[in-house]
Amino acid sequence: MTPPALLHALIHHCRPVIPDGTTILQPGDALTITPSAAWAEFWIDRISTPIARRVASVSIDFNLTINCFGRPPTSSHGVSQLAEQIRLRLCQATLTLSGDHAGGYLKLAEPECRDLSRPATAKAVGLWHWLIAVRGTAPG
């Protein structure tokens, strides 16, 4: 399974809890000059294939990182709510795959969530930033 296919499945799974008007970005997407006040960036940071055992099917391990950002007029509470909704949606989820990997499952562990927000200063507006990190496995 390729990183773009993993991202597509994960974004599709998370889309129901992402409010309308929230921009969703993935590697290769450019943030436009006038982005929305809130956006989420989905990244597959690591993919590895464990040494195959004779009796085990081949699978891959991966790390997913989602960065949830916001700036005025979005409130810090709005960004933390976005991150929490995505975290709950991914929490120990098992996604049924379709297409080339039909019949396979993508399994996620317990996500971690961190607040990396930067407060406003005299020179900068400030940025609300929540990071969600989760490990998972998928068919190879």
N, C-alpha and C. Protein backbone atom coordinates (compact mmCIF):
# COMPACT_ATOMS: atom_id res chain seq x y z
N MET A 1 0.85 -1.17 0.00
CA MET A 1 0.00 0.00 0.00
C MET A 1 0.89 1.23 0.00
N THR A 2 0.60 2.19 -0.84
CA THR A 2 1.43 3.38 -1.00
C THR A 2 1.00 4.48 -0.02
N PRO A 3 1.90 5.43 0.28
CA PRO A 3 1.51 6.55 1.15
C PRO A 3 0.29 7.32 0.63
N PRO A 4 0.19 7.62 -0.68
CA PRO A 4 -1.02 8.32 -1.14
C PRO A 4 -2.30 7.52 -0.91
N ALA A 5 -2.24 6.19 -1.08
CA ALA A 5 -3.43 5.36 -0.84
C ALA A 5 -3.79 5.35 0.64
N LEU A 6 -2.79 5.29 1.51
CA LEU A 6 -3.04 5.36 2.95
C LEU A 6 -3.69 6.70 3.32
N LEU A 7 -3.11 7.78 2.82
CA LEU A 7 -3.65 9.11 3.12
C LEU A 7 -5.08 9.25 2.63
N HIS A 8 -5.35 8.76 1.43
CA HIS A 8 -6.71 8.85 0.89
C HIS A 8 -7.70 8.14 1.81
N ALA A 9 -7.37 6.94 2.26
CA ALA A 9 -8.26 6.18 3.14
C ALA A 9 -8.45 6.89 4.48
N LEU A 10 -7.39 7.44 5.03
CA LEU A 10 -7.48 8.11 6.33
C LEU A 10 -8.23 9.43 6.25
N ILE A 11 -7.99 10.20 5.20
CA ILE A 11 -8.72 11.47 5.03
C ILE A 11 -10.20 11.18 4.81
N HIS A 12 -10.50 10.19 3.99
CA HIS A 12 -11.90 9.81 3.75
C HIS A 12 -12.58 9.42 5.07
N HIS A 13 -11.87 8.71 5.93
CA HIS A 13 -12.42 8.29 7.22
C HIS A 13 -12.65 9.48 8.15
N CYS A 14 -11.78 10.48 8.10
CA CYS A 14 -11.87 11.64 9.00
C CYS A 14 -12.81 12.73 8.49
N ARG A 15 -13.07 12.76 7.21
CA ARG A 15 -13.85 13.86 6.62
C ARG A 15 -15.18 14.14 7.32
N PRO A 16 -15.94 13.13 7.78
CA PRO A 16 -17.23 13.44 8.44
C PRO A 16 -17.12 14.32 9.69
N VAL A 17 -15.98 14.34 10.36
CA VAL A 17 -15.85 15.15 11.58
C VAL A 17 -15.12 16.46 11.34
N ILE A 18 -14.70 16.72 10.11
CA ILE A 18 -14.02 17.97 9.79
C ILE A 18 -15.07 18.96 9.28
N PRO A 19 -15.21 20.11 9.95
CA PRO A 19 -16.25 21.06 9.57
C PRO A 19 -16.08 21.58 8.14
N ASP A 20 -17.21 21.89 7.51
CA ASP A 20 -17.19 22.50 6.18
C ASP A 20 -16.37 23.79 6.25
N GLY A 21 -15.61 24.07 5.21
CA GLY A 21 -14.79 25.27 5.17
C GLY A 21 -13.39 25.07 5.72
N THR A 22 -13.13 23.91 6.33
CA THR A 22 -11.78 23.62 6.83
C THR A 22 -10.97 23.01 5.69
N THR A 23 -9.86 23.62 5.38
CA THR A 23 -8.99 23.14 4.31
C THR A 23 -8.26 21.88 4.77
N ILE A 24 -8.19 20.88 3.89
CA ILE A 24 -7.44 19.65 4.18
C ILE A 24 -6.26 19.60 3.21
N LEU A 25 -5.06 19.52 3.77
CA LEU A 25 -3.85 19.47 2.96
C LEU A 25 -3.13 18.15 3.16
N GLN A 26 -2.39 17.74 2.13
CA GLN A 26 -1.53 16.57 2.21
C GLN A 26 -0.24 16.90 1.48
N PRO A 27 0.79 16.06 1.60
CA PRO A 27 2.07 16.38 0.97
C PRO A 27 1.89 16.76 -0.50
N GLY A 28 2.56 17.83 -0.89
CA GLY A 28 2.48 18.31 -2.26
C GLY A 28 1.46 19.41 -2.46
N ASP A 29 0.52 19.57 -1.53
CA ASP A 29 -0.46 20.65 -1.62
C ASP A 29 0.17 21.94 -1.12
N ALA A 30 -0.16 23.03 -1.77
CA ALA A 30 0.33 24.34 -1.35
C ALA A 30 -0.78 25.09 -0.63
N LEU A 31 -0.42 25.75 0.44
CA LEU A 31 -1.37 26.59 1.15
C LEU A 31 -1.52 27.86 0.33
N THR A 32 -2.73 28.17 -0.07
CA THR A 32 -2.96 29.33 -0.93
C THR A 32 -2.69 30.62 -0.17
N ILE A 33 -2.67 31.72 -0.90
CA ILE A 33 -2.39 33.01 -0.28
C ILE A 33 -3.49 33.40 0.70
N THR A 34 -4.72 32.98 0.43
CA THR A 34 -5.83 33.30 1.32
C THR A 34 -6.43 32.00 1.86
N PRO A 35 -5.70 31.29 2.72
CA PRO A 35 -6.22 30.02 3.24
C PRO A 35 -7.38 30.26 4.19
N SER A 36 -8.09 29.19 4.48
CA SER A 36 -9.17 29.29 5.45
C SER A 36 -8.57 29.59 6.83
N ALA A 37 -9.41 29.98 7.74
CA ALA A 37 -8.94 30.31 9.09
C ALA A 37 -8.49 29.07 9.85
N ALA A 38 -8.95 27.89 9.41
CA ALA A 38 -8.52 26.63 10.04
C ALA A 38 -8.18 25.63 8.94
N TRP A 39 -7.16 24.84 9.18
CA TRP A 39 -6.81 23.81 8.21
C TRP A 39 -6.14 22.64 8.92
N ALA A 40 -6.17 21.48 8.25
CA ALA A 40 -5.57 20.26 8.78
C ALA A 40 -4.63 19.69 7.72
N GLU A 41 -3.44 19.32 8.14
CA GLU A 41 -2.44 18.73 7.24
C GLU A 41 -2.22 17.28 7.64
N PHE A 42 -2.41 16.36 6.69
CA PHE A 42 -2.24 14.92 6.92
C PHE A 42 -0.91 14.48 6.31
N TRP A 43 -0.09 13.76 7.10
CA TRP A 43 1.22 13.29 6.64
C TRP A 43 1.44 11.85 7.07
N ILE A 44 1.99 11.04 6.18
CA ILE A 44 2.52 9.73 6.54
C ILE A 44 4.02 9.96 6.73
N ASP A 45 4.47 9.90 7.98
CA ASP A 45 5.87 10.22 8.30
C ASP A 45 6.82 9.04 8.15
N ARG A 46 6.28 7.83 8.33
CA ARG A 46 7.15 6.66 8.31
C ARG A 46 6.37 5.46 7.83
N ILE A 47 6.99 4.70 6.96
CA ILE A 47 6.44 3.41 6.54
C ILE A 47 7.57 2.40 6.63
N SER A 48 7.28 1.26 7.24
CA SER A 48 8.28 0.20 7.28
C SER A 48 7.58 -1.14 7.13
N THR A 49 8.29 -2.05 6.54
CA THR A 49 7.78 -3.41 6.36
C THR A 49 8.57 -4.32 7.29
N PRO A 50 7.90 -4.88 8.31
CA PRO A 50 8.62 -5.78 9.21
C PRO A 50 9.13 -7.01 8.47
N ILE A 51 10.13 -7.62 9.02
CA ILE A 51 10.65 -8.85 8.42
C ILE A 51 9.51 -9.86 8.39
N ALA A 52 9.26 -10.39 7.22
CA ALA A 52 8.14 -11.33 7.06
C ALA A 52 8.44 -12.66 7.74
N ARG A 53 7.49 -13.15 8.44
CA ARG A 53 7.58 -14.48 9.04
C ARG A 53 6.89 -15.46 8.09
N ARG A 54 7.22 -16.69 8.18
CA ARG A 54 6.63 -17.68 7.28
C ARG A 54 5.13 -17.81 7.43
N VAL A 55 4.64 -17.69 8.65
CA VAL A 55 3.21 -17.90 8.88
C VAL A 55 2.40 -16.60 8.88
N ALA A 56 3.06 -15.47 8.92
CA ALA A 56 2.34 -14.20 8.99
C ALA A 56 2.19 -13.59 7.60
N SER A 57 1.09 -12.92 7.40
CA SER A 57 0.91 -12.20 6.14
C SER A 57 1.76 -10.93 6.18
N VAL A 58 2.08 -10.42 5.02
CA VAL A 58 2.90 -9.23 4.93
C VAL A 58 2.05 -8.01 5.26
N SER A 59 2.57 -7.16 6.12
CA SER A 59 1.88 -5.92 6.44
C SER A 59 2.92 -4.82 6.60
N ILE A 60 2.45 -3.59 6.61
CA ILE A 60 3.35 -2.46 6.81
C ILE A 60 2.92 -1.71 8.06
N ASP A 61 3.89 -1.12 8.72
CA ASP A 61 3.65 -0.23 9.85
C ASP A 61 3.83 1.19 9.34
N PHE A 62 3.06 2.12 9.89
CA PHE A 62 3.20 3.51 9.47
C PHE A 62 2.89 4.44 10.62
N ASN A 63 3.37 5.66 10.50
CA ASN A 63 3.04 6.74 11.43
C ASN A 63 2.27 7.79 10.65
N LEU A 64 1.14 8.21 11.20
CA LEU A 64 0.33 9.28 10.63
C LEU A 64 0.44 10.48 11.56
N THR A 65 0.71 11.64 11.00
CA THR A 65 0.71 12.88 11.76
C THR A 65 -0.29 13.82 11.12
N ILE A 66 -1.15 14.38 11.95
CA ILE A 66 -2.11 15.38 11.48
C ILE A 66 -1.85 16.65 12.28
N ASN A 67 -1.59 17.74 11.57
CA ASN A 67 -1.42 19.04 12.19
C ASN A 67 -2.69 19.83 11.96
N CYS A 68 -3.33 20.29 13.04
CA CYS A 68 -4.53 21.12 12.94
C CYS A 68 -4.12 22.55 13.29
N PHE A 69 -4.36 23.47 12.37
CA PHE A 69 -3.96 24.86 12.55
C PHE A 69 -5.17 25.78 12.53
N GLY A 70 -5.02 26.91 13.16
CA GLY A 70 -6.05 27.94 13.09
C GLY A 70 -5.46 29.29 13.44
N ARG A 71 -6.10 30.31 12.93
CA ARG A 71 -5.73 31.68 13.25
C ARG A 71 -7.02 32.50 13.25
N PRO A 72 -6.98 33.69 13.81
CA PRO A 72 -8.22 34.47 13.86
C PRO A 72 -8.86 34.56 12.47
N PRO A 73 -10.17 34.42 12.37
CA PRO A 73 -11.16 34.49 13.45
C PRO A 73 -11.44 33.16 14.14
N THR A 74 -10.76 32.09 13.77
CA THR A 74 -10.95 30.81 14.47
C THR A 74 -10.42 30.94 15.89
N SER A 75 -11.15 30.40 16.85
CA SER A 75 -10.71 30.47 18.24
C SER A 75 -9.79 29.30 18.57
N SER A 76 -9.04 29.45 19.64
CA SER A 76 -8.19 28.33 20.07
C SER A 76 -9.06 27.13 20.43
N HIS A 77 -10.24 27.40 20.98
CA HIS A 77 -11.17 26.31 21.31
C HIS A 77 -11.62 25.59 20.04
N GLY A 78 -11.84 26.33 18.95
CA GLY A 78 -12.25 25.71 17.68
C GLY A 78 -11.21 24.74 17.14
N VAL A 79 -9.94 25.11 17.25
CA VAL A 79 -8.87 24.25 16.75
C VAL A 79 -8.69 23.04 17.67
N SER A 80 -8.78 23.24 18.97
CA SER A 80 -8.66 22.09 19.88
C SER A 80 -9.84 21.14 19.69
N GLN A 81 -11.04 21.66 19.40
CA GLN A 81 -12.20 20.81 19.12
C GLN A 81 -11.99 20.01 17.83
N LEU A 82 -11.45 20.65 16.80
CA LEU A 82 -11.15 19.97 15.54
C LEU A 82 -10.19 18.81 15.80
N ALA A 83 -9.11 19.09 16.53
CA ALA A 83 -8.12 18.05 16.84
C ALA A 83 -8.75 16.92 17.65
N GLU A 84 -9.59 17.26 18.62
CA GLU A 84 -10.21 16.24 19.46
C GLU A 84 -11.18 15.38 18.65
N GLN A 85 -11.94 15.98 17.75
CA GLN A 85 -12.87 15.20 16.92
C GLN A 85 -12.12 14.23 16.01
N ILE A 86 -11.01 14.70 15.42
CA ILE A 86 -10.20 13.82 14.57
C ILE A 86 -9.58 12.70 15.42
N ARG A 87 -9.06 13.06 16.60
CA ARG A 87 -8.46 12.06 17.49
C ARG A 87 -9.47 10.98 17.86
N LEU A 88 -10.67 11.39 18.22
CA LEU A 88 -11.71 10.42 18.58
C LEU A 88 -12.10 9.54 17.40
N ARG A 89 -12.13 10.13 16.21
CA ARG A 89 -12.49 9.38 15.00
C ARG A 89 -11.44 8.30 14.70
N LEU A 90 -10.17 8.61 14.97
CA LEU A 90 -9.08 7.67 14.67
C LEU A 90 -8.80 6.69 15.80
N CYS A 91 -9.32 6.94 16.98
CA CYS A 91 -8.99 6.17 18.18
C CYS A 91 -9.26 4.67 17.99
N GLN A 92 -8.19 3.91 17.89
CA GLN A 92 -8.23 2.45 17.74
C GLN A 92 -9.20 2.01 16.63
N ALA A 93 -9.23 2.77 15.55
CA ALA A 93 -10.14 2.47 14.44
C ALA A 93 -9.60 1.32 13.58
N THR A 94 -10.52 0.61 12.97
CA THR A 94 -10.20 -0.40 11.97
C THR A 94 -10.99 -0.03 10.73
N LEU A 95 -10.29 0.32 9.65
CA LEU A 95 -10.93 0.75 8.42
C LEU A 95 -10.89 -0.38 7.41
N THR A 96 -12.01 -0.64 6.77
CA THR A 96 -12.07 -1.63 5.70
C THR A 96 -11.61 -0.94 4.42
N LEU A 97 -10.66 -1.55 3.74
CA LEU A 97 -10.10 -0.96 2.53
C LEU A 97 -10.84 -1.46 1.30
N SER A 98 -10.80 -0.65 0.25
CA SER A 98 -11.41 -1.03 -1.02
C SER A 98 -10.36 -0.88 -2.12
N GLY A 99 -10.75 -1.08 -3.35
CA GLY A 99 -9.82 -0.95 -4.47
C GLY A 99 -8.84 -2.10 -4.52
N ASP A 100 -7.56 -1.78 -4.74
CA ASP A 100 -6.52 -2.81 -4.86
C ASP A 100 -6.35 -3.64 -3.59
N HIS A 101 -6.75 -3.08 -2.45
CA HIS A 101 -6.57 -3.78 -1.18
C HIS A 101 -7.92 -4.19 -0.59
N ALA A 102 -8.89 -4.44 -1.45
CA ALA A 102 -10.22 -4.84 -0.99
C ALA A 102 -10.11 -6.07 -0.09
N GLY A 103 -10.85 -6.06 0.99
CA GLY A 103 -10.80 -7.16 1.94
C GLY A 103 -9.74 -6.96 3.00
N GLY A 104 -8.89 -5.96 2.84
CA GLY A 104 -7.86 -5.68 3.83
C GLY A 104 -8.35 -4.67 4.86
N TYR A 105 -7.59 -4.58 5.93
CA TYR A 105 -7.95 -3.67 7.01
C TYR A 105 -6.77 -2.79 7.37
N LEU A 106 -7.07 -1.54 7.66
CA LEU A 106 -6.10 -0.60 8.16
C LEU A 106 -6.42 -0.43 9.64
N LYS A 107 -5.48 -0.75 10.52
CA LYS A 107 -5.72 -0.71 11.96
C LYS A 107 -4.88 0.38 12.60
N LEU A 108 -5.52 1.16 13.47
CA LEU A 108 -4.85 2.28 14.12
C LEU A 108 -4.77 2.05 15.63
N ALA A 109 -3.69 2.56 16.22
CA ALA A 109 -3.51 2.49 17.68
C ALA A 109 -4.16 3.73 18.32
N GLU A 110 -3.86 3.94 19.57
CA GLU A 110 -4.38 5.10 20.31
C GLU A 110 -3.61 6.35 19.89
N PRO A 111 -4.29 7.38 19.37
CA PRO A 111 -3.59 8.61 18.97
C PRO A 111 -3.11 9.43 20.17
N GLU A 112 -2.03 10.16 19.96
CA GLU A 112 -1.54 11.13 20.94
C GLU A 112 -1.85 12.52 20.40
N CYS A 113 -2.19 13.43 21.29
CA CYS A 113 -2.55 14.78 20.88
C CYS A 113 -1.72 15.77 21.71
N ARG A 114 -1.11 16.78 21.04
CA ARG A 114 -0.29 17.77 21.74
C ARG A 114 -0.64 19.17 21.25
N ASP A 115 -0.61 20.11 22.17
CA ASP A 115 -0.84 21.52 21.86
C ASP A 115 0.50 22.19 21.62
N LEU A 116 0.74 22.63 20.38
CA LEU A 116 2.00 23.30 20.02
C LEU A 116 1.75 24.76 19.64
N SER A 117 0.67 25.33 20.14
CA SER A 117 0.26 26.68 19.76
C SER A 117 1.30 27.72 20.16
N ARG A 118 1.33 28.80 19.37
CA ARG A 118 2.21 29.93 19.64
C ARG A 118 1.34 31.16 19.90
N PRO A 119 1.55 31.81 21.02
CA PRO A 119 0.71 32.97 21.33
C PRO A 119 1.03 34.16 20.43
N ALA A 120 0.08 35.07 20.35
CA ALA A 120 0.28 36.29 19.58
C ALA A 120 1.33 37.16 20.26
N THR A 121 2.08 37.90 19.44
CA THR A 121 3.06 38.86 19.95
C THR A 121 2.79 40.19 19.27
N ALA A 122 3.60 41.18 19.58
CA ALA A 122 3.45 42.49 18.94
C ALA A 122 3.72 42.41 17.44
N LYS A 123 4.51 41.42 17.01
CA LYS A 123 4.87 41.32 15.60
C LYS A 123 4.13 40.22 14.85
N ALA A 124 3.50 39.30 15.56
CA ALA A 124 2.84 38.17 14.89
C ALA A 124 1.46 37.93 15.48
N VAL A 125 0.57 37.44 14.65
CA VAL A 125 -0.82 37.20 15.04
C VAL A 125 -0.97 36.02 15.98
N GLY A 126 -0.11 35.08 15.94
CA GLY A 126 -0.27 33.87 16.74
C GLY A 126 -0.90 32.78 15.90
N LEU A 127 -0.65 31.57 16.29
CA LEU A 127 -1.14 30.43 15.53
C LEU A 127 -1.50 29.32 16.50
N TRP A 128 -2.73 28.81 16.39
CA TRP A 128 -3.13 27.67 17.19
C TRP A 128 -2.76 26.41 16.43
N HIS A 129 -2.08 25.50 17.10
CA HIS A 129 -1.53 24.32 16.43
C HIS A 129 -1.67 23.13 17.35
N TRP A 130 -2.43 22.14 16.93
CA TRP A 130 -2.57 20.88 17.65
C TRP A 130 -2.04 19.78 16.76
N LEU A 131 -1.23 18.89 17.34
CA LEU A 131 -0.63 17.79 16.59
C LEU A 131 -1.23 16.48 17.08
N ILE A 132 -1.64 15.64 16.13
CA ILE A 132 -2.16 14.31 16.43
C ILE A 132 -1.20 13.31 15.79
N ALA A 133 -0.71 12.36 16.56
CA ALA A 133 0.20 11.34 16.05
C ALA A 133 -0.38 9.97 16.37
N VAL A 134 -0.39 9.09 15.37
CA VAL A 134 -0.94 7.74 15.57
C VAL A 134 -0.15 6.74 14.74
N ARG A 135 0.06 5.56 15.29
CA ARG A 135 0.70 4.46 14.56
C ARG A 135 -0.38 3.55 14.03
N GLY A 136 -0.06 2.89 12.93
CA GLY A 136 -1.03 1.97 12.36
C GLY A 136 -0.36 0.87 11.56
N THR A 137 -1.16 -0.10 11.14
CA THR A 137 -0.71 -1.17 10.25
C THR A 137 -1.68 -1.28 9.09
N ALA A 138 -1.17 -1.71 7.97
CA ALA A 138 -1.97 -1.87 6.76
C ALA A 138 -1.43 -3.05 5.97
N PRO A 139 -2.25 -3.60 5.06
CA PRO A 139 -1.74 -4.69 4.22
C PRO A 139 -0.63 -4.19 3.31
N GLY A 140 0.35 -5.02 3.06
CA GLY A 140 1.50 -4.62 2.25
C GLY A 140 1.27 -4.59 0.82
